[in-house]
Amino acid sequence: MAIHRMLRRSLSAERRSTSAGTEVPKGHFAVYVGESEKKRFVIPVSYLNHPSFQDLLCQAEEEFGFHHPMGGITIPSEELFIDLTSRMSRK
């Protein structure tokens, strides 16, 4: 499962990073969203079980790979991310 490997690597890198910002609450993880100006979002781990979110993570892997200087998962499309997480939070 490439998504789980990517998440594990990103989370461990974020813990080591001094620029990770504020702590992430238990049951959540941080992602960075956007092409050029990256915004940090903290979202529930339960989103990882959603097939649409898994597709989004696969796109992120293709775009950015596993290693990112911010230390977390980076998602390229802010519009797609906001739309998807908005729909998921309403369920």
Foldseek 3Di string as FASTA:
>chain_A
DVLVVLQVQLVVQLVVDPLNPDDADPQWDWEWEEAPDTDIDIGGPVVCVDPVVVVQQVVQCVVPNSDDPSSHRYGHHPVSVVVVVVVVVVD
